[in-house]
C-alpha cells in the first residue's frame, strides 16, 4: 500500500523525504546542544515537532481516502476534524522563540538557530497539509469560497495559538477536556476585555500565516505552470 502511494504521489514523497532529512538535522542540533549544556531543556521541541507533523499525515491520508469515498462519509469527517484540531500545532511553534534565552550553557545565537530550525520544519509540514486540503476543496467548490474557507482555517489556527500560548490549552484537550476548552473559548469570545491580548495575538498571527501561505501558493502555481 505504501509502495503504491509513493508511485501515485512521487512529488509528495520527495518533499517528505527532504523534510525527514531536515528533521534529523534539527534533532542532531538539539542533541548536540543538550550534550554541550548538560541540559535536556530543549528536548520538548522534538515533541512539539512530532505534533506538528500529525496534520500533514492526516491530510495525506484524507486525500487518499477521498479518491474512493465521499468527504461527508463518517471516516473522512472524523479525519477532517482531527486534522483541523492538530493543524495549529504546526504554526504554534513560532511562539517557541520566547524560549531562546532560557537555556543555560548554550549561547543565544545557537538557541535561536535551533528553534528556527524546528519552526521551519513545523511550518513546512503545516503548509503542506493546508495545501493538500486546499486542492481537495478546489476540486469540489468555487474558487472564492475555497479561499474564504482557507482564510477561516488560518484565523482559527491563529486563535488556537492564543489559546495555547496564553491559556495553555493543547490539541489533546479537544478529546480529554472538551468542556473546559469550550468554556474558555466561549469566555474569551464573550468577554474579550478580560483577555486583552486575544485580538492582537489572533490578528497578528493571522496576517503572518496568511501572508506566508499566499507567497507559497503563488510559488506553487508558477512551478506547476513551468512543468
C-alpha atoms as a PDB file:
ATOM      1  CA  UNK A   1       0.000   0.000   0.000  1.00  0.00           C
ATOM      2  CA  UNK A   2       2.824   2.392   0.872  1.00  0.00           C
ATOM      3  CA  UNK A   3       4.670   1.495  -2.336  1.00  0.00           C
ATOM      4  CA  UNK A   4       1.550   2.215  -4.391  1.00  0.00           C
ATOM      5  CA  UNK A   5       1.090   5.561  -2.613  1.00  0.00           C
ATOM      6  CA  UNK A   6       4.691   6.526  -3.392  1.00  0.00           C
ATOM      7  CA  UNK A   7       4.208   5.690  -7.069  1.00  0.00           C
ATOM      8  CA  UNK A   8       0.998   7.740  -7.251  1.00  0.00           C
ATOM      9  CA  UNK A   9       2.410  10.734  -5.358  1.00  0.00           C
ATOM     10  CA  UNK A  10       6.171  10.921  -6.071  1.00  0.00           C
ATOM     11  CA  UNK A  11       6.370  14.712  -5.559  1.00  0.00           C
ATOM     12  CA  UNK A  12       4.815  14.471  -2.110  1.00  0.00           C
ATOM     13  CA  UNK A  13       7.263  11.783  -1.022  1.00  0.00           C
ATOM     14  CA  UNK A  14      10.236  13.755  -2.355  1.00  0.00           C
ATOM     15  CA  UNK A  15       9.171  16.660  -0.163  1.00  0.00           C
ATOM     16  CA  UNK A  16       8.502  14.303   2.754  1.00  0.00           C
ATOM     17  CA  UNK A  17      11.980  12.786   2.366  1.00  0.00           C
ATOM     18  CA  UNK A  18      13.598  16.227   2.343  1.00  0.00           C
ATOM     19  CA  UNK A  19      11.589  17.201   5.436  1.00  0.00           C
ATOM     20  CA  UNK A  20      12.673  13.973   7.128  1.00  0.00           C
ATOM     21  CA  UNK A  21      16.342  14.817   6.491  1.00  0.00           C
ATOM     22  CA  UNK A  22      15.795  18.357   7.783  1.00  0.00           C
ATOM     23  CA  UNK A  23      14.160  16.900  10.890  1.00  0.00           C
ATOM     24  CA  UNK A  24      17.122  14.610  11.537  1.00  0.00           C
ATOM     25  CA  UNK A  25      19.484  17.588  11.243  1.00  0.00           C
ATOM     26  CA  UNK A  26      17.332  19.570  13.679  1.00  0.00           C
ATOM     27  CA  UNK A  27      17.221  16.711  16.182  1.00  0.00           C
ATOM     28  CA  UNK A  28      21.003  16.498  15.842  1.00  0.00           C
ATOM     29  CA  UNK A  29      21.252  20.178  16.773  1.00  0.00           C
ATOM     30  CA  UNK A  30      19.058  19.594  19.817  1.00  0.00           C
ATOM     31  CA  UNK A  31      21.111  16.589  20.940  1.00  0.00           C
ATOM     32  CA  UNK A  32      24.389  18.495  20.421  1.00  0.00           C
ATOM     33  CA  UNK A  33      23.031  21.398  22.435  1.00  0.00           C
ATOM     34  CA  UNK A  34      21.946  19.053  25.224  1.00  0.00           C
ATOM     35  CA  UNK A  35      25.403  17.457  25.375  1.00  0.00           C
ATOM     36  CA  UNK A  36      27.176  20.816  25.402  1.00  0.00           C
ATOM     37  CA  UNK A  37      24.940  22.356  28.055  1.00  0.00           C
ATOM     38  CA  UNK A  38      24.395  19.156  30.086  1.00  0.00           C
ATOM     39  CA  UNK A  39      20.714  20.024  29.936  1.00  0.00           C
ATOM     40  CA  UNK A  40      17.648  18.487  28.276  1.00  0.00           C
ATOM     41  CA  UNK A  41      15.774  21.788  28.353  1.00  0.00           C
ATOM     42  CA  UNK A  42      15.132  21.929  24.599  1.00  0.00           C
ATOM     43  CA  UNK A  43      14.002  18.307  24.257  1.00  0.00           C
ATOM     44  CA  UNK A  44      10.386  19.467  24.341  1.00  0.00           C
ATOM     45  CA  UNK A  45      10.958  20.891  20.858  1.00  0.00           C
ATOM     46  CA  UNK A  46      11.206  17.352  19.465  1.00  0.00           C
ATOM     47  CA  UNK A  47       7.794  16.541  20.913  1.00  0.00           C
ATOM     48  CA  UNK A  48       6.358  19.771  19.504  1.00  0.00           C
ATOM     49  CA  UNK A  49       7.740  18.953  16.052  1.00  0.00           C
ATOM     50  CA  UNK A  50       6.178  15.493  16.144  1.00  0.00           C
ATOM     51  CA  UNK A  51       2.826  17.101  16.937  1.00  0.00           C
ATOM     52  CA  UNK A  52       3.346  19.486  14.028  1.00  0.00           C
ATOM     53  CA  UNK A  53       3.718  16.542  11.632  1.00  0.00           C
ATOM     54  CA  UNK A  54       0.392  14.939  12.570  1.00  0.00           C
ATOM     55  CA  UNK A  55      -1.681  17.292  10.328  1.00  0.00           C
ATOM     56  CA  UNK A  56       0.319  16.507   7.175  1.00  0.00           C
ATOM     57  CA  UNK A  57      -0.077  12.769   7.780  1.00  0.00           C
ATOM     58  CA  UNK A  58      -3.809  13.208   8.337  1.00  0.00           C
ATOM     59  CA  UNK A  59      -4.151  15.413   5.252  1.00  0.00           C
ATOM     60  CA  UNK A  60      -2.349  12.903   3.041  1.00  0.00           C
ATOM     61  CA  UNK A  61      -4.436  10.057   4.460  1.00  0.00           C
ATOM     62  CA  UNK A  62      -7.570  12.058   3.752  1.00  0.00           C
ATOM     63  CA  UNK A  63      -6.551  12.749   0.143  1.00  0.00           C
ATOM     64  CA  UNK A  64      -6.078   9.008  -0.408  1.00  0.00           C
ATOM     65  CA  UNK A  65      -9.481   8.226   1.083  1.00  0.00           C
ATOM     66  CA  UNK A  66     -11.203  10.944  -0.940  1.00  0.00           C
ATOM     67  CA  UNK A  67     -10.294   9.089  -4.127  1.00  0.00           C
ATOM     68  CA  UNK A  68     -12.582   6.271  -3.049  1.00  0.00           C
ATOM     69  CA  UNK A  69     -15.148   7.800  -0.685  1.00  0.00           C
ATOM     70  CA  UNK A  70     -17.160  10.987  -0.202  1.00  0.00           C
ATOM     71  CA  UNK A  71     -15.868  13.754   2.059  1.00  0.00           C
ATOM     72  CA  UNK A  72     -19.048  13.569   4.126  1.00  0.00           C
ATOM     73  CA  UNK A  73     -18.534   9.915   4.965  1.00  0.00           C
ATOM     74  CA  UNK A  74     -18.130   9.285   8.687  1.00  0.00           C
ATOM     75  CA  UNK A  75     -14.455   8.317   8.475  1.00  0.00           C
ATOM     76  CA  UNK A  76     -13.470  11.324   6.383  1.00  0.00           C
ATOM     77  CA  UNK A  77     -15.364  13.726   8.631  1.00  0.00           C
ATOM     78  CA  UNK A  78     -13.508  12.355  11.671  1.00  0.00           C
ATOM     79  CA  UNK A  79     -10.142  12.683   9.900  1.00  0.00           C
ATOM     80  CA  UNK A  80     -11.016  16.256   8.850  1.00  0.00           C
ATOM     81  CA  UNK A  81     -11.900  17.207  12.438  1.00  0.00           C
ATOM     82  CA  UNK A  82      -8.681  15.655  13.730  1.00  0.00           C
ATOM     83  CA  UNK A  83      -6.703  17.487  11.029  1.00  0.00           C
ATOM     84  CA  UNK A  84      -8.218  20.835  11.970  1.00  0.00           C
ATOM     85  CA  UNK A  85      -7.656  20.138  15.672  1.00  0.00           C
ATOM     86  CA  UNK A  86      -3.942  19.384  15.226  1.00  0.00           C
ATOM     87  CA  UNK A  87      -3.144  21.903  12.475  1.00  0.00           C
ATOM     88  CA  UNK A  88      -2.482  24.794  14.928  1.00  0.00           C
ATOM     89  CA  UNK A  89       0.431  22.792  16.364  1.00  0.00           C
ATOM     90  CA  UNK A  90       2.332  23.290  13.104  1.00  0.00           C
ATOM     91  CA  UNK A  91       2.110  27.076  13.433  1.00  0.00           C
ATOM     92  CA  UNK A  92       2.246  27.298  17.229  1.00  0.00           C
ATOM     93  CA  UNK A  93       5.978  26.573  17.246  1.00  0.00           C
ATOM     94  CA  UNK A  94       6.630  30.147  16.110  1.00  0.00           C
ATOM     95  CA  UNK A  95       5.905  31.155  19.693  1.00  0.00           C
ATOM     96  CA  UNK A  96       8.664  28.858  20.982  1.00  0.00           C
ATOM     97  CA  UNK A  97      11.141  31.606  20.116  1.00  0.00           C
ATOM     98  CA  UNK A  98      10.375  33.014  23.552  1.00  0.00           C
ATOM     99  CA  UNK A  99      12.394  30.106  24.997  1.00  0.00           C
ATOM    100  CA  UNK A 100      15.590  31.145  23.215  1.00  0.00           C
ATOM    101  CA  UNK A 101      17.003  32.939  26.265  1.00  0.00           C
ATOM    102  CA  UNK A 102      16.031  30.300  28.813  1.00  0.00           C
ATOM    103  CA  UNK A 103      18.553  27.528  28.163  1.00  0.00           C
ATOM    104  CA  UNK A 104      21.741  27.578  30.177  1.00  0.00           C
ATOM    105  CA  UNK A 105      25.151  26.655  28.771  1.00  0.00           C
ATOM    106  CA  UNK A 106      24.479  27.421  25.098  1.00  0.00           C
ATOM    107  CA  UNK A 107      24.935  30.828  23.530  1.00  0.00           C
ATOM    108  CA  UNK A 108      21.875  32.776  22.418  1.00  0.00           C
ATOM    109  CA  UNK A 109      22.660  32.554  18.701  1.00  0.00           C
ATOM    110  CA  UNK A 110      22.782  28.746  18.822  1.00  0.00           C
ATOM    111  CA  UNK A 111      19.453  28.681  20.679  1.00  0.00           C
ATOM    112  CA  UNK A 112      17.854  30.883  18.040  1.00  0.00           C
ATOM    113  CA  UNK A 113      19.193  28.750  15.164  1.00  0.00           C
ATOM    114  CA  UNK A 114      17.979  25.582  16.870  1.00  0.00           C
ATOM    115  CA  UNK A 115      14.474  26.925  17.487  1.00  0.00           C
ATOM    116  CA  UNK A 116      14.190  28.440  13.997  1.00  0.00           C
ATOM    117  CA  UNK A 117      15.102  25.034  12.539  1.00  0.00           C
ATOM    118  CA  UNK A 118      12.219  23.499  14.494  1.00  0.00           C
ATOM    119  CA  UNK A 119       9.881  26.276  13.413  1.00  0.00           C
ATOM    120  CA  UNK A 120      10.879  25.845   9.764  1.00  0.00           C
ATOM    121  CA  UNK A 121      10.140  22.104   9.785  1.00  0.00           C
ATOM    122  CA  UNK A 122       6.832  22.628  11.535  1.00  0.00           C
ATOM    123  CA  UNK A 123       5.708  25.411   9.198  1.00  0.00           C
ATOM    124  CA  UNK A 124       6.601  23.355   6.134  1.00  0.00           C
ATOM    125  CA  UNK A 125       4.570  20.426   7.459  1.00  0.00           C
ATOM    126  CA  UNK A 126       1.631  22.673   8.318  1.00  0.00           C
ATOM    127  CA  UNK A 127       1.565  24.448   4.978  1.00  0.00           C
ATOM    128  CA  UNK A 128       1.897  21.188   3.029  1.00  0.00           C
ATOM    129  CA  UNK A 129      -1.122  19.799   4.868  1.00  0.00           C
ATOM    130  CA  UNK A 130      -3.070  23.001   4.245  1.00  0.00           C
ATOM    131  CA  UNK A 131      -2.088  22.905   0.571  1.00  0.00           C
ATOM    132  CA  UNK A 132      -3.351  19.328   0.220  1.00  0.00           C
ATOM    133  CA  UNK A 133      -6.714  20.216   1.756  1.00  0.00           C
ATOM    134  CA  UNK A 134      -6.867  23.402  -0.327  1.00  0.00           C
ATOM    135  CA  UNK A 135      -6.570  21.454  -3.579  1.00  0.00           C
ATOM    136  CA  UNK A 136      -9.145  18.887  -2.500  1.00  0.00           C
ATOM    137  CA  UNK A 137     -11.585  21.711  -1.763  1.00  0.00           C
ATOM    138  CA  UNK A 138     -10.895  23.326  -5.142  1.00  0.00           C
ATOM    139  CA  UNK A 139     -11.950  20.092  -6.853  1.00  0.00           C
ATOM    140  CA  UNK A 140     -15.370  20.395  -5.246  1.00  0.00           C
ATOM    141  CA  UNK A 141     -16.222  24.062  -4.664  1.00  0.00           C
ATOM    142  CA  UNK A 142     -15.903  27.503  -6.250  1.00  0.00           C
ATOM    143  CA  UNK A 143     -12.509  29.228  -6.124  1.00  0.00           C
ATOM    144  CA  UNK A 144     -13.568  32.193  -3.969  1.00  0.00           C
ATOM    145  CA  UNK A 145     -15.483  30.067  -1.466  1.00  0.00           C
ATOM    146  CA  UNK A 146     -12.492  27.798  -1.029  1.00  0.00           C
ATOM    147  CA  UNK A 147     -10.154  30.741  -0.407  1.00  0.00           C
ATOM    148  CA  UNK A 148     -12.604  32.014   2.200  1.00  0.00           C
ATOM    149  CA  UNK A 149     -12.591  28.612   3.914  1.00  0.00           C
ATOM    150  CA  UNK A 150      -8.774  28.583   3.952  1.00  0.00           C
ATOM    151  CA  UNK A 151      -8.760  32.089   5.445  1.00  0.00           C
ATOM    152  CA  UNK A 152     -11.186  30.953   8.168  1.00  0.00           C
ATOM    153  CA  UNK A 153      -8.984  27.932   8.904  1.00  0.00           C
ATOM    154  CA  UNK A 154      -5.934  30.181   9.311  1.00  0.00           C
ATOM    155  CA  UNK A 155      -7.950  32.521  11.534  1.00  0.00           C
ATOM    156  CA  UNK A 156      -8.977  29.581  13.728  1.00  0.00           C
ATOM    157  CA  UNK A 157      -5.347  28.453  13.887  1.00  0.00           C
ATOM    158  CA  UNK A 158      -4.301  31.950  14.949  1.00  0.00           C
ATOM    159  CA  UNK A 159      -6.915  31.949  17.710  1.00  0.00           C
ATOM    160  CA  UNK A 160      -5.740  28.481  18.762  1.00  0.00           C
ATOM    161  CA  UNK A 161      -2.191  29.831  19.059  1.00  0.00           C
ATOM    162  CA  UNK A 162      -3.514  32.355  21.572  1.00  0.00           C
ATOM    163  CA  UNK A 163      -5.305  29.584  23.478  1.00  0.00           C
ATOM    164  CA  UNK A 164      -2.138  27.515  23.552  1.00  0.00           C
ATOM    165  CA  UNK A 165       0.368  30.205  24.485  1.00  0.00           C
ATOM    166  CA  UNK A 166      -1.712  32.266  26.928  1.00  0.00           C
ATOM    167  CA  UNK A 167      -4.339  29.837  28.276  1.00  0.00           C
ATOM    168  CA  UNK A 168      -2.136  26.728  27.917  1.00  0.00           C
ATOM    169  CA  UNK A 169      -4.638  24.556  26.047  1.00  0.00           C
ATOM    170  CA  UNK A 170      -3.481  21.970  23.535  1.00  0.00           C
ATOM    171  CA  UNK A 171      -4.978  19.772  20.812  1.00  0.00           C
ATOM    172  CA  UNK A 172      -5.345  16.770  23.097  1.00  0.00           C
ATOM    173  CA  UNK A 173      -7.810  18.757  25.231  1.00  0.00           C
ATOM    174  CA  UNK A 174     -10.316  18.561  22.372  1.00  0.00           C
ATOM    175  CA  UNK A 175     -10.593  14.869  23.317  1.00  0.00           C
ATOM    176  CA  UNK A 176      -9.725  14.778  27.004  1.00  0.00           C
ATOM    177  CA  UNK A 177     -11.215  18.045  28.287  1.00  0.00           C
ATOM    178  CA  UNK A 178     -13.663  19.403  25.685  1.00  0.00           C
ATOM    179  CA  UNK A 179     -15.947  21.006  28.295  1.00  0.00           C
ATOM    180  CA  UNK A 180     -13.155  23.059  29.875  1.00  0.00           C
ATOM    181  CA  UNK A 181     -11.809  24.071  26.484  1.00  0.00           C
ATOM    182  CA  UNK A 182     -15.258  25.099  25.262  1.00  0.00           C
ATOM    183  CA  UNK A 183     -15.811  27.167  28.421  1.00  0.00           C
ATOM    184  CA  UNK A 184     -12.545  29.072  27.962  1.00  0.00           C
ATOM    185  CA  UNK A 185     -13.189  29.630  24.254  1.00  0.00           C
ATOM    186  CA  UNK A 186     -16.693  30.930  24.956  1.00  0.00           C
ATOM    187  CA  UNK A 187     -15.471  33.125  27.799  1.00  0.00           C
ATOM    188  CA  UNK A 188     -12.668  34.552  25.660  1.00  0.00           C
ATOM    189  CA  UNK A 189     -15.058  35.449  22.842  1.00  0.00           C
ATOM    190  CA  UNK A 190     -17.857  36.708  25.107  1.00  0.00           C
ATOM    191  CA  UNK A 191     -15.578  38.721  27.434  1.00  0.00           C
ATOM    192  CA  UNK A 192     -12.636  39.998  25.370  1.00  0.00           C
ATOM    193  CA  UNK A 193     -11.963  42.699  27.967  1.00  0.00           C
ATOM    194  CA  UNK A 194     -10.722  40.007  30.369  1.00  0.00           C
ATOM    195  CA  UNK A 195      -8.384  38.725  27.657  1.00  0.00           C
ATOM    196  CA  UNK A 196      -6.762  41.903  26.311  1.00  0.00           C
ATOM    197  CA  UNK A 197      -4.236  40.056  24.134  1.00  0.00           C
ATOM    198  CA  UNK A 198      -6.695  37.843  22.280  1.00  0.00           C
ATOM    199  CA  UNK A 199      -7.450  40.117  19.320  1.00  0.00           C
ATOM    200  CA  UNK A 200      -3.915  41.446  18.882  1.00  0.00           C
ATOM    201  CA  UNK A 201      -2.416  37.945  19.037  1.00  0.00           C
ATOM    202  CA  UNK A 202      -5.032  36.386  16.758  1.00  0.00           C
ATOM    203  CA  UNK A 203      -4.876  39.109  14.100  1.00  0.00           C
ATOM    204  CA  UNK A 204      -1.067  39.282  14.191  1.00  0.00           C
ATOM    205  CA  UNK A 205      -0.687  35.562  13.604  1.00  0.00           C
ATOM    206  CA  UNK A 206      -3.485  35.519  11.041  1.00  0.00           C
ATOM    207  CA  UNK A 207      -1.708  38.166   8.972  1.00  0.00           C
ATOM    208  CA  UNK A 208       1.640  36.394   9.333  1.00  0.00           C
ATOM    209  CA  UNK A 209       0.362  32.903   8.499  1.00  0.00           C
ATOM    210  CA  UNK A 210      -1.808  34.147   5.638  1.00  0.00           C
ATOM    211  CA  UNK A 211       0.940  36.215   4.022  1.00  0.00           C
ATOM    212  CA  UNK A 212       3.372  33.278   4.108  1.00  0.00           C
ATOM    213  CA  UNK A 213       0.767  30.935   2.645  1.00  0.00           C
ATOM    214  CA  UNK A 214      -0.106  33.375  -0.130  1.00  0.00           C
ATOM    215  CA  UNK A 215       3.554  33.507  -1.142  1.00  0.00           C
ATOM    216  CA  UNK A 216       3.837  29.710  -1.064  1.00  0.00           C
ATOM    217  CA  UNK A 217       0.586  29.338  -3.017  1.00  0.00           C
ATOM    218  CA  UNK A 218       1.812  31.674  -5.757  1.00  0.00           C
ATOM    219  CA  UNK A 219       5.175  29.880  -5.927  1.00  0.00           C
ATOM    220  CA  UNK A 220       3.468  26.514  -6.388  1.00  0.00           C
ATOM    221  CA  UNK A 221       1.236  27.947  -9.112  1.00  0.00           C
ATOM    222  CA  UNK A 222       4.246  29.237 -11.019  1.00  0.00           C
ATOM    223  CA  UNK A 223       6.076  25.920 -10.618  1.00  0.00           C
ATOM    224  CA  UNK A 224       3.032  23.979 -11.828  1.00  0.00           C
ATOM    225  CA  UNK A 225       2.866  26.148 -14.977  1.00  0.00           C
ATOM    226  CA  UNK A 226       6.554  25.627 -15.753  1.00  0.00           C
ATOM    227  CA  UNK A 227       6.304  21.842 -15.775  1.00  0.00           C
END
